[in-house]
Amino acid sequence: MPTIAESIAAGGRVVGHNRQGEPVEIAEYDPAWPMRFVEMREQLAAALGDLAIRIDHVGSTAVAGLAAKPVIDIQVSVPDVEDEYAFREAVEGLGFELRWTEPGHRYFRPPPGMPRLHQIHVCSHGSAWGRVHLLFRDYLRAHPDVAGRYVALKHEVAAQHPRDRVAYNDAKAPFIDATLRDAEEWAATSTWSPDAKASD
């Protein structure tokens, strides 16, 4: 997964309002997280209709037992993410605003002053962007030892960058890249498929 600098070099840009300076909070796993995903998935499905080909719970809150920032990451797969006007109004109508745009990905989050309980990632169905996030999630689910090392890293990096989310994310990038290399080998020798049913 690219760092922010790499994403900018590839054409990524910030839009919307700045929420910089928010603390990096790592919370112990909350069994309520899956239901929080389901509740927002239902709202997204109603707002987007057939445009949402699949809606997945991704990120650390999608891995049972994994400590994480208490924000539910939701990945919405649409026919063409570059056709932003097909979905932007519907997503923003649920209380989110577009914050980041890059080739293959649009990122929405609540505006300043609103609690960040969910954040929405929109990608094209079947894209490499969507596949890698499903693979990383499923690899951690299948390898609790790796998930444990990831938790330790999260706490270490959060202590180093308590109010800098960009630095926090970038500091995790080498671990994530190494894990994805292992995950690709695992996927090639297992029955894993990115086309599995969207997760709860």
Foldseek 3Di string as FASTA:
>chain_A
DDAPVVQVVQPKDWDADDPAQDFFDWAWQDPCLVVVQVVVVVLLCVLQPVQFVAKAFFDQNLAPGFTHRQETEIETAGQAVVVVVSPQVSVVVVQWHFTMDGVFWTKIFHHPPDDRNYIYIYGHPPDPVLQLRVLLRVLCNVDVVLSVVLRVLLVVLCVVCGRGVSSSVVVCVVSSVVVSVVSVVVVVVDVDDPPPHHDD
